[in-house]
């Protein structure tokens, strides 16, 4: 019995697949600042009138009005 050997070369093919995944994380921060300014202006005006002159004038007028009356406020007994 005779055995014949045949040399066979078997090629093995290897496929390498490389997958690259890139993840980008983006964070956006928005800051809103609201400033409200309220200005209140108060103006106070004080007017002073000389009341002594006014009172004197009123008294004089009162005396003048009483001159025609016998029993007036300016008549003394």
N, C-alpha and C. Protein backbone atom coordinates (compact mmCIF):
# COMPACT_ATOMS: atom_id res chain seq x y z
N UNK A 1 0.85 -1.13 0.00
CA UNK A 1 0.00 0.00 0.00
C UNK A 1 0.91 1.21 0.00
N UNK A 2 0.54 2.13 -0.84
CA UNK A 2 1.36 3.29 -1.02
C UNK A 2 0.56 4.52 -0.62
N UNK A 3 1.14 5.41 0.20
CA UNK A 3 0.43 6.61 0.68
C UNK A 3 1.15 7.81 0.07
N UNK A 4 0.43 8.57 -0.63
CA UNK A 4 0.97 9.81 -1.20
C UNK A 4 0.51 11.00 -0.35
N UNK A 5 1.46 11.78 0.02
CA UNK A 5 1.14 12.99 0.78
C UNK A 5 1.26 14.20 -0.14
N UNK A 6 0.31 14.99 -0.07
CA UNK A 6 0.35 16.24 -0.85
C UNK A 6 0.49 17.37 0.17
N UNK A 7 1.46 18.17 -0.10
CA UNK A 7 1.65 19.29 0.79
C UNK A 7 0.66 20.40 0.41
N UNK A 8 -0.16 20.70 1.29
CA UNK A 8 -1.11 21.77 1.07
C UNK A 8 -0.85 22.84 2.12
N UNK A 9 -0.85 24.08 1.67
CA UNK A 9 -0.68 25.20 2.59
C UNK A 9 -2.05 25.85 2.73
N UNK A 10 -2.45 25.88 3.90
CA UNK A 10 -3.74 26.50 4.19
C UNK A 10 -3.48 27.92 4.68
N UNK A 11 -4.08 28.84 4.02
CA UNK A 11 -3.94 30.24 4.41
C UNK A 11 -5.12 30.62 5.28
N UNK A 12 -4.75 31.13 6.34
CA UNK A 12 -5.78 31.57 7.26
C UNK A 12 -5.82 33.09 7.19
N UNK A 13 -6.97 33.60 6.89
CA UNK A 13 -7.11 35.04 6.77
C UNK A 13 -7.78 35.58 8.03
N UNK A 14 -7.18 36.61 8.58
CA UNK A 14 -7.72 37.21 9.79
C UNK A 14 -8.06 38.67 9.45
N UNK A 15 -9.25 39.02 9.72
CA UNK A 15 -9.67 40.40 9.50
C UNK A 15 -9.84 41.04 10.88
N UNK A 16 -9.14 42.13 11.01
CA UNK A 16 -9.23 42.86 12.27
C UNK A 16 -10.02 44.14 12.00
N UNK A 17 -11.06 44.32 12.74
CA UNK A 17 -11.87 45.52 12.61
C UNK A 17 -11.71 46.33 13.89
N UNK A 18 -11.31 47.56 13.71
CA UNK A 18 -11.15 48.44 14.86
C UNK A 18 -12.24 49.50 14.78
N UNK A 19 -12.98 49.60 15.82
CA UNK A 19 -14.04 50.60 15.89
C UNK A 19 -13.65 51.61 16.97
N UNK A 20 -13.61 52.87 16.57
CA UNK A 20 -13.27 53.92 17.52
C UNK A 20 -14.53 54.75 17.75
N UNK A 21 -14.90 54.86 18.98
CA UNK A 21 -16.06 55.66 19.34
C UNK A 21 -15.58 56.86 20.15
N UNK A 22 -15.94 58.05 19.69
CA UNK A 22 -15.55 59.27 20.39
C UNK A 22 -16.81 59.89 20.97
N UNK A 23 -16.78 60.12 22.24
CA UNK A 23 -17.91 60.75 22.91
C UNK A 23 -17.45 62.12 23.41
N UNK A 24 -18.18 63.13 22.99
CA UNK A 24 -17.86 64.49 23.43
C UNK A 24 -18.99 64.96 24.31
N UNK A 25 -18.64 65.31 25.52
CA UNK A 25 -19.63 65.85 26.45
C UNK A 25 -19.50 67.37 26.44
N UNK A 26 -20.57 68.03 26.10
CA UNK A 26 -20.58 69.49 26.07
C UNK A 26 -21.56 69.97 27.12
N UNK A 27 -21.08 70.82 28.01
CA UNK A 27 -21.93 71.39 29.04
C UNK A 27 -22.02 72.88 28.80
N UNK A 28 -23.22 73.37 28.66
CA UNK A 28 -23.44 74.80 28.46
C UNK A 28 -24.15 75.34 29.68
N UNK A 29 -23.55 76.35 30.27
CA UNK A 29 -24.14 76.99 31.43
C UNK A 29 -24.49 78.42 31.05
N UNK A 30 -25.73 78.79 31.25
CA UNK A 30 -26.17 80.14 30.95
C UNK A 30 -26.58 80.80 32.27
N UNK A 31 -25.98 81.93 32.56
CA UNK A 31 -26.29 82.67 33.77
C UNK A 31 -26.90 83.99 33.36
N UNK A 32 -28.09 84.26 33.87
CA UNK A 32 -28.75 85.52 33.59
C UNK A 32 -28.86 86.30 34.89
N UNK A 33 -28.35 87.51 34.87
CA UNK A 33 -28.40 88.37 36.05
C UNK A 33 -29.26 89.57 35.70
N UNK A 34 -30.29 89.80 36.50
CA UNK A 34 -31.16 90.95 36.30
C UNK A 34 -30.97 91.88 37.49
N UNK A 35 -30.63 93.12 37.21
CA UNK A 35 -30.44 94.11 38.26
C UNK A 35 -31.49 95.19 38.07
N UNK A 36 -32.27 95.43 39.10
CA UNK A 36 -33.28 96.48 39.06
C UNK A 36 -32.89 97.54 40.08
N UNK A 37 -32.78 98.75 39.62
CA UNK A 37 -32.42 99.86 40.50
C UNK A 37 -33.60 100.82 40.54
N UNK A 38 -34.08 101.09 41.73
CA UNK A 38 -35.18 102.03 41.91
C UNK A 38 -34.66 103.22 42.70
N UNK A 39 -34.83 104.39 42.15
CA UNK A 39 -34.38 105.61 42.82
C UNK A 39 -35.62 106.43 43.15
N UNK A 40 -35.77 106.76 44.42
CA UNK A 40 -36.89 107.59 44.86
C UNK A 40 -36.33 108.89 45.40
N UNK A 41 -36.81 109.98 44.86
CA UNK A 41 -36.37 111.29 45.31
C UNK A 41 -37.56 111.98 45.94
N UNK A 42 -37.40 112.40 47.17
CA UNK A 42 -38.45 113.12 47.88
C UNK A 42 -37.95 114.53 48.16
N UNK A 43 -38.73 115.49 47.72
CA UNK A 43 -38.38 116.89 47.97
C UNK A 43 -39.43 117.48 48.89
N UNK A 44 -38.98 118.01 50.01
CA UNK A 44 -39.89 118.63 50.97
C UNK A 44 -39.59 120.13 51.00
N UNK A 45 -40.62 120.90 50.77
CA UNK A 45 -40.47 122.36 50.81
C UNK A 45 -41.27 122.87 51.99
N UNK A 46 -40.61 123.60 52.86
CA UNK A 46 -41.27 124.17 54.03
C UNK A 46 -41.31 125.68 53.87
N UNK A 47 -42.49 126.22 53.94
CA UNK A 47 -42.65 127.67 53.84
C UNK A 47 -43.10 128.18 55.20
N UNK A 48 -42.36 129.13 55.74
CA UNK A 48 -42.70 129.71 57.04
C UNK A 48 -43.21 131.13 56.79
N UNK A 49 -44.40 131.40 57.27
CA UNK A 49 -45.00 132.72 57.14
C UNK A 49 -44.97 133.39 58.50
N UNK A 50 -44.66 134.67 58.51
CA UNK A 50 -44.60 135.40 59.77
C UNK A 50 -46.03 135.59 60.26
N UNK A 51 -46.43 134.78 61.20
CA UNK A 51 -47.79 134.81 61.72
C UNK A 51 -48.05 136.03 62.60
N UNK A 52 -47.01 136.60 63.17
CA UNK A 52 -47.21 137.78 64.02
C UNK A 52 -47.80 138.93 63.21
N UNK A 53 -47.30 139.14 62.01
CA UNK A 53 -47.83 140.22 61.18
C UNK A 53 -49.28 139.93 60.82
N UNK A 54 -49.57 138.71 60.52
CA UNK A 54 -50.93 138.35 60.14
C UNK A 54 -51.88 138.53 61.33
N UNK A 55 -51.44 138.14 62.51
CA UNK A 55 -52.29 138.28 63.69
C UNK A 55 -52.51 139.76 64.02
N UNK A 56 -51.46 140.57 63.88
CA UNK A 56 -51.60 142.00 64.15
C UNK A 56 -52.59 142.63 63.19
N UNK A 57 -52.50 142.24 61.94
CA UNK A 57 -53.43 142.79 60.95
C UNK A 57 -54.85 142.37 61.26
N UNK A 58 -55.03 141.14 61.68
CA UNK A 58 -56.36 140.67 62.01
C UNK A 58 -56.92 141.41 63.21
N UNK A 59 -56.09 141.68 64.21
CA UNK A 59 -56.54 142.41 65.39
C UNK A 59 -56.92 143.85 65.03
N UNK A 60 -56.12 144.47 64.17
CA UNK A 60 -56.42 145.84 63.76
C UNK A 60 -57.73 145.88 63.00
N UNK A 61 -57.94 144.92 62.15
CA UNK A 61 -59.19 144.88 61.40
C UNK A 61 -60.37 144.68 62.34
N UNK A 62 -60.17 143.88 63.34
CA UNK A 62 -61.23 143.62 64.31
C UNK A 62 -61.56 144.88 65.07
N UNK A 63 -60.53 145.65 65.45
CA UNK A 63 -60.76 146.90 66.16
C UNK A 63 -61.47 147.92 65.28
N UNK A 64 -61.07 147.97 64.01
CA UNK A 64 -61.70 148.91 63.09
C UNK A 64 -63.17 148.56 62.88
N UNK A 65 -63.50 147.31 62.87
CA UNK A 65 -64.88 146.89 62.66
C UNK A 65 -65.74 147.21 63.89
N UNK A 66 -65.13 147.27 65.05
CA UNK A 66 -65.89 147.47 66.29
C UNK A 66 -66.11 148.95 66.61
N UNK A 67 -65.49 149.84 65.87
CA UNK A 67 -65.60 151.27 66.20
C UNK A 67 -67.03 151.78 66.13
N UNK A 68 -67.83 151.23 65.28
CA UNK A 68 -69.20 151.71 65.15
C UNK A 68 -70.14 151.17 66.19
N UNK A 69 -69.74 150.21 66.99
CA UNK A 69 -70.62 149.58 67.97
C UNK A 69 -70.28 150.11 69.37
N UNK A 70 -71.33 150.41 70.13
CA UNK A 70 -71.11 150.90 71.49
C UNK A 70 -70.53 149.80 72.37
N UNK A 71 -71.19 148.63 72.31
CA UNK A 71 -70.68 147.50 73.09
C UNK A 71 -69.80 146.66 72.17
N UNK A 72 -68.60 147.04 71.99
CA UNK A 72 -67.68 146.29 71.13
C UNK A 72 -66.66 145.58 72.00
N UNK A 73 -65.90 144.77 71.38
CA UNK A 73 -64.91 144.01 72.14
C UNK A 73 -63.78 144.91 72.63
N UNK A 74 -63.64 146.10 72.04
CA UNK A 74 -62.56 146.98 72.48
C UNK A 74 -63.06 148.08 73.41
N UNK A 75 -64.30 148.01 73.88
CA UNK A 75 -64.84 149.00 74.80
C UNK A 75 -64.64 148.51 76.22
N UNK A 76 -64.00 149.34 77.06
CA UNK A 76 -63.71 148.94 78.43
C UNK A 76 -64.47 149.82 79.39
N UNK A 77 -64.98 149.28 80.45
CA UNK A 77 -65.71 150.04 81.49
C UNK A 77 -64.88 150.09 82.74
